[in-house]
C-alpha atoms as a PDB file:
ATOM      1  CA  MET A   1     -60.238  57.697 -53.693  1.00  0.00           C
ATOM      2  CA  ASP A   2     -57.279  57.092 -56.354  1.00  0.00           C
ATOM      3  CA  GLY A   3     -59.118  54.424 -57.448  1.00  0.00           C
ATOM      4  CA  VAL A   4     -60.142  52.554 -54.446  1.00  0.00           C
ATOM      5  CA  SER A   5     -63.579  52.926 -53.521  1.00  0.00           C
ATOM      6  CA  SER A   6     -63.135  52.797 -49.538  1.00  0.00           C
ATOM      7  CA  PRO A   7     -63.224  56.110 -47.523  1.00  0.00           C
ATOM      8  CA  ILE A   8     -60.420  57.119 -45.142  1.00  0.00           C
ATOM      9  CA  PHE A   9     -61.653  57.463 -41.081  1.00  0.00           C
ATOM     10  CA  VAL A  10     -59.371  58.918 -39.036  1.00  0.00           C
ATOM     11  CA  CYS A  11     -60.325  57.577 -35.217  1.00  0.00           C
ATOM     12  CA  GLU A  12     -61.004  60.461 -32.924  1.00  0.00           C
ATOM     13  CA  THR A  13     -59.154  59.035 -30.636  1.00  0.00           C
ATOM     14  CA  CYS A  14     -55.704  58.235 -31.427  1.00  0.00           C
ATOM     15  CA  GLY A  15     -55.796  59.990 -34.978  1.00  0.00           C
ATOM     16  CA  LEU A  16     -55.161  56.811 -36.749  1.00  0.00           C
ATOM     17  CA  GLY A  17     -56.411  56.999 -40.111  1.00  0.00           C
ATOM     18  CA  HIS A  18     -57.596  53.793 -42.712  1.00  0.00           C
ATOM     19  CA  TYR A  19     -59.598  52.856 -45.329  1.00  0.00           C
ATOM     20  CA  HIS A  20     -62.907  51.292 -44.173  1.00  0.00           C
ATOM     21  CA  PRO A  21     -63.860  48.669 -45.112  1.00  0.00           C
ATOM     22  CA  MET A  22     -60.657  47.765 -45.962  1.00  0.00           C
ATOM     23  CA  PRO A  23     -60.044  47.241 -50.255  1.00  0.00           C
ATOM     24  CA  PRO A  24     -59.842  43.796 -51.198  1.00  0.00           C
ATOM     25  CA  PHE A  25     -56.614  42.405 -51.690  1.00  0.00           C
ATOM     26  CA  GLU A  26     -57.203  42.718 -56.056  1.00  0.00           C
ATOM     27  CA  GLU A  27     -58.192  46.054 -55.674  1.00  0.00           C
ATOM     28  CA  VAL A  28     -54.831  47.110 -53.794  1.00  0.00           C
ATOM     29  CA  ALA A  29     -52.386  44.496 -56.079  1.00  0.00           C
ATOM     30  CA  ALA A  30     -53.746  46.373 -58.836  1.00  0.00           C
ATOM     31  CA  PHE A  31     -51.155  49.389 -58.014  1.00  0.00           C
ATOM     32  CA  TYR A  32     -48.212  47.559 -57.516  1.00  0.00           C
ATOM     33  CA  PRO A  33     -47.497  46.763 -61.312  1.00  0.00           C
ATOM     34  CA  THR A  34     -44.552  45.770 -62.534  1.00  0.00           C
ATOM     35  CA  ALA A  35     -43.061  49.232 -63.639  1.00  0.00           C
ATOM     36  CA  TYR A  36     -43.702  50.403 -59.615  1.00  0.00           C
ATOM     37  CA  TYR A  37     -40.216  48.584 -58.902  1.00  0.00           C
ATOM     38  CA  GLY A  38     -38.569  49.948 -62.063  1.00  0.00           C
ATOM     39  CA  ASP A  39     -36.139  48.311 -63.699  1.00  0.00           C
ATOM     40  CA  PRO A  40     -33.621  45.369 -61.800  1.00  0.00           C
ATOM     41  CA  GLY A  41     -32.086  46.413 -58.868  1.00  0.00           C
ATOM     42  CA  LYS A  42     -32.909  50.092 -59.613  1.00  0.00           C
ATOM     43  CA  LYS A  43     -36.169  52.875 -59.389  1.00  0.00           C
ATOM     44  CA  PHE A  44     -34.844  56.165 -60.040  1.00  0.00           C
ATOM     45  CA  ARG A  45     -32.758  58.104 -62.326  1.00  0.00           C
ATOM     46  CA  PRO A  46     -29.162  57.157 -62.172  1.00  0.00           C
ATOM     47  CA  LEU A  47     -27.902  60.195 -60.311  1.00  0.00           C
ATOM     48  CA  ILE A  48     -31.225  60.441 -57.709  1.00  0.00           C
ATOM     49  CA  GLU A  49     -30.399  56.181 -57.292  1.00  0.00           C
ATOM     50  CA  GLN A  50     -27.130  57.417 -56.574  1.00  0.00           C
ATOM     51  CA  LEU A  51     -28.518  59.481 -53.976  1.00  0.00           C
ATOM     52  CA  VAL A  52     -30.897  57.083 -52.297  1.00  0.00           C
ATOM     53  CA  ARG A  53     -28.311  54.583 -51.955  1.00  0.00           C
ATOM     54  CA  PHE A  54     -25.608  57.016 -50.284  1.00  0.00           C
ATOM     55  CA  VAL A  55     -28.377  58.189 -48.024  1.00  0.00           C
ATOM     56  CA  GLY A  56     -29.322  54.757 -47.077  1.00  0.00           C
ATOM     57  CA  ARG A  57     -25.624  53.277 -46.678  1.00  0.00           C
ATOM     58  CA  ARG A  58     -25.171  56.578 -44.223  1.00  0.00           C
ATOM     59  CA  HIS A  59     -28.692  55.626 -42.150  1.00  0.00           C
ATOM     60  CA  LEU A  60     -27.178  52.098 -41.899  1.00  0.00           C
ATOM     61  CA  ARG A  61     -24.987  53.525 -39.376  1.00  0.00           C
ATOM     62  CA  PHE A  62     -27.796  54.024 -37.083  1.00  0.00           C
ATOM     63  CA  LEU A  63     -29.684  51.193 -38.297  1.00  0.00           C
ATOM     64  CA  SER A  64     -26.486  48.933 -36.644  1.00  0.00           C
ATOM     65  CA  ARG A  65     -25.854  50.611 -33.798  1.00  0.00           C
ATOM     66  CA  ASP A  66     -25.160  47.742 -31.135  1.00  0.00           C
ATOM     67  CA  LEU A  67     -25.496  44.965 -33.015  1.00  0.00           C
ATOM     68  CA  PRO A  68     -22.175  41.882 -32.746  1.00  0.00           C
ATOM     69  CA  ARG A  69     -20.774  41.210 -36.010  1.00  0.00           C
ATOM     70  CA  LYS A  70     -22.325  38.657 -37.865  1.00  0.00           C
ATOM     71  CA  ALA A  71     -25.726  39.670 -36.182  1.00  0.00           C
ATOM     72  CA  ARG A  72     -28.604  38.043 -38.175  1.00  0.00           C
ATOM     73  CA  VAL A  73     -30.890  41.063 -39.573  1.00  0.00           C
ATOM     74  CA  LEU A  74     -34.271  40.946 -41.028  1.00  0.00           C
ATOM     75  CA  ASP A  75     -35.997  43.738 -43.850  1.00  0.00           C
ATOM     76  CA  VAL A  76     -39.369  43.115 -44.028  1.00  0.00           C
ATOM     77  CA  GLY A  77     -40.421  44.776 -47.202  1.00  0.00           C
ATOM     78  CA  CYS A  78     -36.926  44.941 -48.885  1.00  0.00           C
ATOM     79  CA  GLY A  79     -37.535  45.665 -51.999  1.00  0.00           C
ATOM     80  CA  ARG A  80     -34.739  45.963 -54.188  1.00  0.00           C
ATOM     81  CA  GLY A  81     -32.663  45.396 -51.512  1.00  0.00           C
ATOM     82  CA  VAL A  82     -30.960  48.854 -50.809  1.00  0.00           C
ATOM     83  CA  LEU A  83     -30.261  47.993 -46.994  1.00  0.00           C
ATOM     84  CA  LEU A  84     -29.160  44.369 -47.319  1.00  0.00           C
ATOM     85  CA  GLY A  85     -25.896  45.020 -49.490  1.00  0.00           C
ATOM     86  CA  PRO A  86     -24.801  47.286 -47.308  1.00  0.00           C
ATOM     87  CA  LEU A  87     -25.735  44.939 -44.144  1.00  0.00           C
ATOM     88  CA  ALA A  88     -23.082  42.253 -45.810  1.00  0.00           C
ATOM     89  CA  GLU A  89     -21.019  43.991 -46.585  1.00  0.00           C
ATOM     90  CA  MET A  90     -20.376  45.400 -42.536  1.00  0.00           C
ATOM     91  CA  GLY A  91     -20.135  41.503 -41.677  1.00  0.00           C
ATOM     92  CA  PHE A  92     -23.826  40.889 -40.995  1.00  0.00           C
ATOM     93  CA  GLU A  93     -26.097  37.964 -41.995  1.00  0.00           C
ATOM     94  CA  ALA A  94     -28.693  39.557 -44.550  1.00  0.00           C
ATOM     95  CA  HIS A  95     -31.890  38.042 -44.817  1.00  0.00           C
ATOM     96  CA  GLY A  96     -34.852  40.239 -46.639  1.00  0.00           C
ATOM     97  CA  VAL A  97     -38.660  39.374 -46.792  1.00  0.00           C
ATOM     98  CA  GLU A  98     -40.862  40.656 -49.834  1.00  0.00           C
ATOM     99  CA  MET A  99     -44.570  39.868 -51.465  1.00  0.00           C
ATOM    100  CA  SER A 100     -43.457  40.733 -54.882  1.00  0.00           C
ATOM    101  CA  GLU A 101     -41.198  38.603 -57.451  1.00  0.00           C
ATOM    102  CA  ASP A 102     -40.398  41.718 -59.570  1.00  0.00           C
ATOM    103  CA  ALA A 103     -39.444  43.966 -56.272  1.00  0.00           C
ATOM    104  CA  VAL A 104     -36.151  41.910 -55.541  1.00  0.00           C
ATOM    105  CA  ARG A 105     -35.386  41.259 -58.787  1.00  0.00           C
ATOM    106  CA  GLY A 106     -31.436  42.732 -58.855  1.00  0.00           C
ATOM    107  CA  ALA A 107     -31.464  42.626 -55.297  1.00  0.00           C
ATOM    108  CA  ASP A 108     -27.805  41.904 -53.927  1.00  0.00           C
ATOM    109  CA  PRO A 109     -26.974  37.875 -54.247  1.00  0.00           C
ATOM    110  CA  ARG A 110     -25.468  37.641 -50.468  1.00  0.00           C
ATOM    111  CA  ALA A 111     -28.693  38.343 -49.256  1.00  0.00           C
ATOM    112  CA  GLU A 112     -31.658  35.701 -48.231  1.00  0.00           C
ATOM    113  CA  ILE A 113     -34.640  36.788 -49.466  1.00  0.00           C
ATOM    114  CA  ARG A 114     -37.976  34.912 -49.157  1.00  0.00           C
ATOM    115  CA  VAL A 115     -40.796  35.997 -51.268  1.00  0.00           C
ATOM    116  CA  ALA A 116     -43.998  35.310 -49.441  1.00  0.00           C
ATOM    117  CA  PRO A 117     -47.175  37.295 -49.228  1.00  0.00           C
ATOM    118  CA  THR A 118     -47.056  37.602 -45.419  1.00  0.00           C
ATOM    119  CA  LEU A 119     -44.236  37.710 -42.800  1.00  0.00           C
ATOM    120  CA  GLU A 120     -45.644  34.475 -41.237  1.00  0.00           C
ATOM    121  CA  LYS A 121     -45.960  32.699 -44.518  1.00  0.00           C
ATOM    122  CA  ALA A 122     -42.128  33.471 -44.673  1.00  0.00           C
ATOM    123  CA  GLY A 123     -41.765  30.244 -42.451  1.00  0.00           C
ATOM    124  CA  TYR A 124     -38.852  31.697 -39.912  1.00  0.00           C
ATOM    125  CA  PRO A 125     -37.938  30.092 -36.797  1.00  0.00           C
ATOM    126  CA  LYS A 126     -38.943  31.128 -33.544  1.00  0.00           C
ATOM    127  CA  GLU A 127     -36.273  34.158 -31.478  1.00  0.00           C
ATOM    128  CA  TRP A 128     -33.711  33.889 -34.591  1.00  0.00           C
ATOM    129  CA  PHE A 129     -33.535  37.170 -35.777  1.00  0.00           C
ATOM    130  CA  ASP A 130     -30.923  39.749 -33.901  1.00  0.00           C
ATOM    131  CA  GLU A 131     -32.805  42.801 -35.734  1.00  0.00           C
ATOM    132  CA  ILE A 132     -35.834  43.527 -37.281  1.00  0.00           C
ATOM    133  CA  ILE A 133     -36.335  45.980 -39.610  1.00  0.00           C
ATOM    134  CA  LEU A 134     -39.852  47.667 -41.359  1.00  0.00           C
ATOM    135  CA  TRP A 135     -38.629  50.622 -43.603  1.00  0.00           C
ATOM    136  CA  HIS A 136     -41.893  52.557 -44.654  1.00  0.00           C
ATOM    137  CA  VAL A 137     -43.734  49.010 -44.882  1.00  0.00           C
ATOM    138  CA  LEU A 138     -46.057  48.997 -42.423  1.00  0.00           C
ATOM    139  CA  GLU A 139     -48.227  51.569 -43.532  1.00  0.00           C
ATOM    140  CA  HIS A 140     -48.407  49.247 -46.564  1.00  0.00           C
ATOM    141  CA  LEU A 141     -49.969  46.383 -44.728  1.00  0.00           C
ATOM    142  CA  ARG A 142     -53.319  45.255 -44.476  1.00  0.00           C
ATOM    143  CA  ASP A 143     -52.745  43.458 -40.416  1.00  0.00           C
ATOM    144  CA  PRO A 144     -50.071  45.713 -39.191  1.00  0.00           C
ATOM    145  CA  ARG A 145     -50.951  44.107 -35.733  1.00  0.00           C
ATOM    146  CA  GLU A 146     -50.177  40.637 -37.078  1.00  0.00           C
ATOM    147  CA  THR A 147     -47.552  41.562 -38.384  1.00  0.00           C
ATOM    148  CA  LEU A 148     -45.837  43.197 -35.316  1.00  0.00           C
ATOM    149  CA  GLU A 149     -47.100  40.009 -33.411  1.00  0.00           C
ATOM    150  CA  GLU A 150     -45.153  37.804 -35.705  1.00  0.00           C
ATOM    151  CA  CYS A 151     -42.201  40.288 -35.773  1.00  0.00           C
ATOM    152  CA  ARG A 152     -41.707  39.528 -31.456  1.00  0.00           C
ATOM    153  CA  ARG A 153     -42.480  35.496 -32.398  1.00  0.00           C
ATOM    154  CA  ILE A 154     -39.149  35.739 -34.626  1.00  0.00           C
ATOM    155  CA  LEU A 155     -37.222  38.290 -32.575  1.00  0.00           C
ATOM    156  CA  LYS A 156     -34.687  37.174 -30.002  1.00  0.00           C
ATOM    157  CA  VAL A 157     -35.414  38.447 -26.576  1.00  0.00           C
ATOM    158  CA  GLY A 158     -33.468  41.689 -26.177  1.00  0.00           C
ATOM    159  CA  GLY A 159     -33.296  41.619 -29.740  1.00  0.00           C
ATOM    160  CA  LYS A 160     -34.512  45.483 -31.112  1.00  0.00           C
ATOM    161  CA  ILE A 161     -37.502  46.072 -33.936  1.00  0.00           C
ATOM    162  CA  ILE A 162     -37.000  49.679 -35.579  1.00  0.00           C
ATOM    163  CA  VAL A 163     -40.199  50.766 -37.712  1.00  0.00           C
ATOM    164  CA  SER A 164     -40.220  53.706 -40.016  1.00  0.00           C
ATOM    165  CA  LEU A 165     -42.680  55.409 -41.876  1.00  0.00           C
ATOM    166  CA  PRO A 166     -44.588  58.873 -42.721  1.00  0.00           C
ATOM    167  CA  ASN A 167     -46.079  60.755 -39.514  1.00  0.00           C
ATOM    168  CA  PHE A 168     -49.897  61.089 -39.647  1.00  0.00           C
ATOM    169  CA  SER A 169     -49.134  64.148 -36.501  1.00  0.00           C
ATOM    170  CA  SER A 170     -46.653  65.665 -38.546  1.00  0.00           C
ATOM    171  CA  TYR A 171     -46.614  69.175 -39.512  1.00  0.00           C
ATOM    172  CA  GLN A 172     -45.665  68.071 -43.094  1.00  0.00           C
ATOM    173  CA  ALA A 173     -48.888  66.077 -42.884  1.00  0.00           C
ATOM    174  CA  ARG A 174     -51.442  69.174 -41.209  1.00  0.00           C
ATOM    175  CA  PHE A 175     -49.906  71.500 -44.164  1.00  0.00           C
ATOM    176  CA  GLY A 176     -50.488  69.201 -46.995  1.00  0.00           C
ATOM    177  CA  GLY A 177     -54.051  67.470 -46.342  1.00  0.00           C
ATOM    178  CA  ALA A 178     -55.400  65.557 -49.107  1.00  0.00           C
ATOM    179  CA  ASP A 179     -52.307  67.096 -51.193  1.00  0.00           C
ATOM    180  CA  TRP A 180     -49.584  65.508 -48.455  1.00  0.00           C
ATOM    181  CA  PHE A 181     -46.960  63.653 -50.397  1.00  0.00           C
ATOM    182  CA  HIS A 182     -46.539  60.454 -48.016  1.00  0.00           C
ATOM    183  CA  LEU A 183     -50.197  60.461 -47.763  1.00  0.00           C
ATOM    184  CA  ASP A 184     -49.579  57.895 -50.985  1.00  0.00           C
ATOM    185  CA  PRO A 185     -53.102  56.135 -51.495  1.00  0.00           C
ATOM    186  CA  PRO A 186     -54.483  53.577 -52.395  1.00  0.00           C
ATOM    187  CA  ARG A 187     -50.750  52.069 -51.999  1.00  0.00           C
ATOM    188  CA  HIS A 188     -50.661  52.949 -47.733  1.00  0.00           C
ATOM    189  CA  LEU A 189     -53.561  51.548 -46.213  1.00  0.00           C
ATOM    190  CA  PHE A 190     -52.651  53.207 -42.793  1.00  0.00           C
ATOM    191  CA  HIS A 191     -51.522  56.561 -41.743  1.00  0.00           C
ATOM    192  CA  PHE A 192     -50.249  56.272 -38.257  1.00  0.00           C
ATOM    193  CA  PRO A 193     -49.589  59.306 -36.129  1.00  0.00           C
ATOM    194  CA  ALA A 194     -46.331  58.968 -33.631  1.00  0.00           C
ATOM    195  CA  ARG A 195     -48.776  58.110 -30.182  1.00  0.00           C
ATOM    196  CA  ALA A 196     -50.594  55.461 -32.548  1.00  0.00           C
ATOM    197  CA  LEU A 197     -47.381  53.585 -33.583  1.00  0.00           C
ATOM    198  CA  ARG A 198     -46.030  53.534 -30.473  1.00  0.00           C
ATOM    199  CA  ARG A 199     -49.464  52.372 -28.529  1.00  0.00           C
ATOM    200  CA  LEU A 200     -49.353  49.204 -31.515  1.00  0.00           C
ATOM    201  CA  LEU A 201     -45.914  48.602 -30.764  1.00  0.00           C
ATOM    202  CA  GLU A 202     -46.109  48.497 -27.057  1.00  0.00           C
ATOM    203  CA  ARG A 203     -49.240  46.118 -27.107  1.00  0.00           C
ATOM    204  CA  SER A 204     -47.187  43.943 -29.645  1.00  0.00           C
ATOM    205  CA  GLY A 205     -45.178  43.100 -27.118  1.00  0.00           C
ATOM    206  CA  PHE A 206     -42.350  45.879 -27.459  1.00  0.00           C
ATOM    207  CA  ARG A 207     -40.881  48.990 -24.980  1.00  0.00           C
ATOM    208  CA  CYS A 208     -40.105  51.621 -26.777  1.00  0.00           C
ATOM    209  CA  LEU A 209     -36.645  52.959 -26.459  1.00  0.00           C
ATOM    210  CA  SER A 210     -36.457  55.939 -28.687  1.00  0.00           C
ATOM    211  CA  GLY A 211     -38.489  57.826 -31.727  1.00  0.00           C
ATOM    212  CA  HIS A 212     -36.745  60.250 -34.315  1.00  0.00           C
ATOM    213  CA  HIS A 213     -38.450  62.641 -36.632  1.00  0.00           C
ATOM    214  CA  PHE A 214     -35.546  63.251 -39.009  1.00  0.00           C
ATOM    215  CA  SER A 215     -34.534  61.808 -42.675  1.00  0.00           C
ATOM    216  CA  LEU A 216     -33.020  63.646 -44.976  1.00  0.00           C
ATOM    217  CA  ARG A 217     -33.992  61.156 -47.547  1.00  0.00           C
ATOM    218  CA  GLN A 218     -37.986  61.734 -47.218  1.00  0.00           C
ATOM    219  CA  ASN A 219     -38.655  64.690 -44.999  1.00  0.00           C
ATOM    220  CA  PRO A 220     -37.111  67.605 -47.201  1.00  0.00           C
ATOM    221  CA  PHE A 221     -38.350  65.819 -50.186  1.00  0.00           C
ATOM    222  CA  GLY A 222     -41.991  66.035 -48.994  1.00  0.00           C
ATOM    223  CA  TRP A 223     -42.253  69.540 -48.168  1.00  0.00           C
ATOM    224  CA  ILE A 224     -41.161  70.312 -52.028  1.00  0.00           C
ATOM    225  CA  GLN A 225     -43.665  67.442 -53.652  1.00  0.00           C
ATOM    226  CA  THR A 226     -46.426  68.423 -51.594  1.00  0.00           C
ATOM    227  CA  ALA A 227     -46.227  72.012 -51.800  1.00  0.00           C
ATOM    228  CA  LEU A 228     -46.182  71.218 -55.691  1.00  0.00           C
ATOM    229  CA  ASN A 229     -49.040  68.961 -55.128  1.00  0.00           C
ATOM    230  CA  LYS A 230     -50.829  71.891 -54.234  1.00  0.00           C
ATOM    231  CA  MET A 231     -50.175  74.079 -56.930  1.00  0.00           C
ATOM    232  CA  PRO A 232     -53.506  74.504 -59.322  1.00  0.00           C
ATOM    233  CA  GLY A 233     -53.130  72.289 -62.585  1.00  0.00           C
ATOM    234  CA  MET A 234     -49.962  70.357 -61.447  1.00  0.00           C
ATOM    235  CA  PRO A 235     -50.217  67.093 -62.230  1.00  0.00           C
ATOM    236  CA  ARG A 236     -50.264  65.550 -58.396  1.00  0.00           C
ATOM    237  CA  ASN A 237     -46.246  64.223 -57.626  1.00  0.00           C
ATOM    238  CA  ALA A 238     -45.043  65.456 -60.748  1.00  0.00           C
ATOM    239  CA  LEU A 239     -41.524  66.259 -59.567  1.00  0.00           C
ATOM    240  CA  TYR A 240     -41.157  62.418 -58.420  1.00  0.00           C
ATOM    241  CA  THR A 241     -42.752  61.203 -61.611  1.00  0.00           C
ATOM    242  CA  MET A 242     -40.003  63.163 -63.502  1.00  0.00           C
ATOM    243  CA  LEU A 243     -36.961  61.455 -60.764  1.00  0.00           C
ATOM    244  CA  TYR A 244     -39.009  57.186 -61.551  1.00  0.00           C
ATOM    245  CA  GLN A 245     -37.261  55.231 -63.133  1.00  0.00           C
ATOM    246  CA  GLY A 246     -39.519  53.711 -64.558  1.00  0.00           C
ATOM    247  CA  SER A 247     -42.660  56.590 -66.031  1.00  0.00           C
ATOM    248  CA  GLY A 248     -40.674  58.024 -69.482  1.00  0.00           C
ATOM    249  CA  VAL A 249     -44.847  58.405 -70.437  1.00  0.00           C
ATOM    250  CA  GLU A 250     -45.618  60.258 -67.449  1.00  0.00           C
ATOM    251  CA  ARG A 251     -42.759  62.524 -67.596  1.00  0.00           C
ATOM    252  CA  ALA A 252     -43.487  62.953 -71.359  1.00  0.00           C
ATOM    253  CA  LYS A 253     -46.896  64.225 -70.273  1.00  0.00           C
ATOM    254  CA  LEU A 254     -45.395  66.985 -68.165  1.00  0.00           C
ATOM    255  CA  GLY A 255     -43.688  68.349 -71.316  1.00  0.00           C
ATOM    256  CA  ARG A 256     -40.301  70.581 -71.161  1.00  0.00           C
ATOM    257  CA  VAL A 257     -42.528  73.515 -69.699  1.00  0.00           C
ATOM    258  CA  GLY A 258     -43.414  71.841 -66.631  1.00  0.00           C
ATOM    259  CA  ARG A 259     -40.250  69.283 -66.396  1.00  0.00           C
ATOM    260  CA  ALA A 260     -38.082  72.781 -66.213  1.00  0.00           C
ATOM    261  CA  GLY A 261     -40.596  74.043 -63.903  1.00  0.00           C
ATOM    262  CA  CYS A 262     -40.685  71.141 -61.280  1.00  0.00           C
ATOM    263  CA  TRP A 263     -36.692  71.198 -61.735  1.00  0.00           C
ATOM    264  CA  ALA A 264     -36.213  75.283 -61.302  1.00  0.00           C
ATOM    265  CA  PHE A 265     -38.672  74.690 -57.816  1.00  0.00           C
ATOM    266  CA  PHE A 266     -36.630  71.679 -56.890  1.00  0.00           C
ATOM    267  CA  VAL A 267     -33.401  73.213 -56.395  1.00  0.00           C
ATOM    268  CA  LEU A 268     -35.072  76.788 -55.401  1.00  0.00           C
ATOM    269  CA  SER A 269     -36.916  75.135 -52.554  1.00  0.00           C
ATOM    270  CA  SER A 270     -34.671  72.936 -51.152  1.00  0.00           C
ATOM    271  CA  PRO A 271     -32.881  74.828 -48.852  1.00  0.00           C
ATOM    272  CA  ILE A 272     -35.976  76.217 -47.627  1.00  0.00           C
ATOM    273  CA  ALA A 273     -37.587  72.566 -47.146  1.00  0.00           C
ATOM    274  CA  LEU A 274     -34.647  71.095 -45.443  1.00  0.00           C
ATOM    275  CA  ALA A 275     -34.614  74.420 -42.833  1.00  0.00           C
ATOM    276  CA  LEU A 276     -38.485  73.532 -42.234  1.00  0.00           C
ATOM    277  CA  SER A 277     -37.306  69.738 -42.087  1.00  0.00           C
ATOM    278  CA  VAL A 278     -34.995  70.598 -39.132  1.00  0.00           C
ATOM    279  CA  ALA A 279     -37.585  72.350 -37.631  1.00  0.00           C
ATOM    280  CA  ALA A 280     -39.995  69.920 -37.456  1.00  0.00           C
ATOM    281  CA  ALA A 281     -37.723  67.316 -36.111  1.00  0.00           C
ATOM    282  CA  ILE A 282     -36.875  69.725 -33.061  1.00  0.00           C
ATOM    283  CA  ALA A 283     -40.573  70.188 -32.491  1.00  0.00           C
ATOM    284  CA  ARG A 284     -40.868  66.684 -32.875  1.00  0.00           C
ATOM    285  CA  ARG A 285     -43.326  66.528 -35.346  1.00  0.00           C
ATOM    286  CA  GLY A 286     -41.212  65.381 -38.490  1.00  0.00           C
ATOM    287  CA  ALA A 287     -43.190  64.539 -42.373  1.00  0.00           C
ATOM    288  CA  THR A 288     -41.600  60.561 -40.967  1.00  0.00           C
ATOM    289  CA  ILE A 289     -40.566  58.750 -37.528  1.00  0.00           C
ATOM    290  CA  HIS A 290     -38.950  56.137 -36.748  1.00  0.00           C
ATOM    291  CA  ILE A 291     -38.945  53.936 -33.358  1.00  0.00           C
ATOM    292  CA  VAL A 292     -36.692  51.396 -31.743  1.00  0.00           C
ATOM    293  CA  ALA A 293     -38.042  48.965 -29.670  1.00  0.00           C
ATOM    294  CA  ARG A 294     -36.958  46.092 -28.063  1.00  0.00           C
ATOM    295  CA  ARG A 295     -38.357  42.762 -27.288  1.00  0.00           C
ATOM    296  CA  GLU A 296     -39.046  41.701 -23.165  1.00  0.00           C
ATOM    297  CA  VAL A 297     -39.085  38.784 -22.393  1.00  0.00           C
END
């Protein structure tokens, strides 16, 4: 699928989807070129970049809830550091870990970022962090359980871990099928339904406290782009390609009429997509899920 030779298998018991066999590291790494991360510190077109950062600052209120001032927070897979700058502004000690040097170019200099192939190799001390965030990261990793077990080791007793990822058991995933925007093959190596994520967290030594199914940043856009993907003749993820900072060549392939059609569909369908996202969240079948869990003794 999309350049990866391994098929996606779905477990009949827990609903977890994953490549089998797992593609070689070199095969997957080829799908993260420098252009994937955009220009230094910027991934999307200027207006969209501002909106992404605005929404990121708003949801930091949720991420930082109940944290003491100067708490030490780690963002695993921090990318461009969208969360790290605002965390530092709020008085927290902001740390990030990322696999790619390209990804962290332009990140806020107040954040301490380590570049390492895995969380374990980043070399953090035992029971060091007050909170760990994995925001749309776990599905990209070759060994999610190993990463969560390392999170438990470096998280203080009583500390929180917040994990967010696409919900493979969502209404949006069911509607989209192979055209689902958040499927994102081949970069997403695992596809978690909500119950599989909860079970993995519990088996890794955490107690799940709450689950949340609404994301203003992710869910409405997912409905719009998935619907576009299902239209005959429409290039996959065409709207996302238009908004992407480093994809001028791909935007040109859409043509003026194609770009105008995407913009019109985006504007007209946004209210419907928002309503669908709210309804799905109420039914606890939102397109994304984030779970708050605590490290027990």
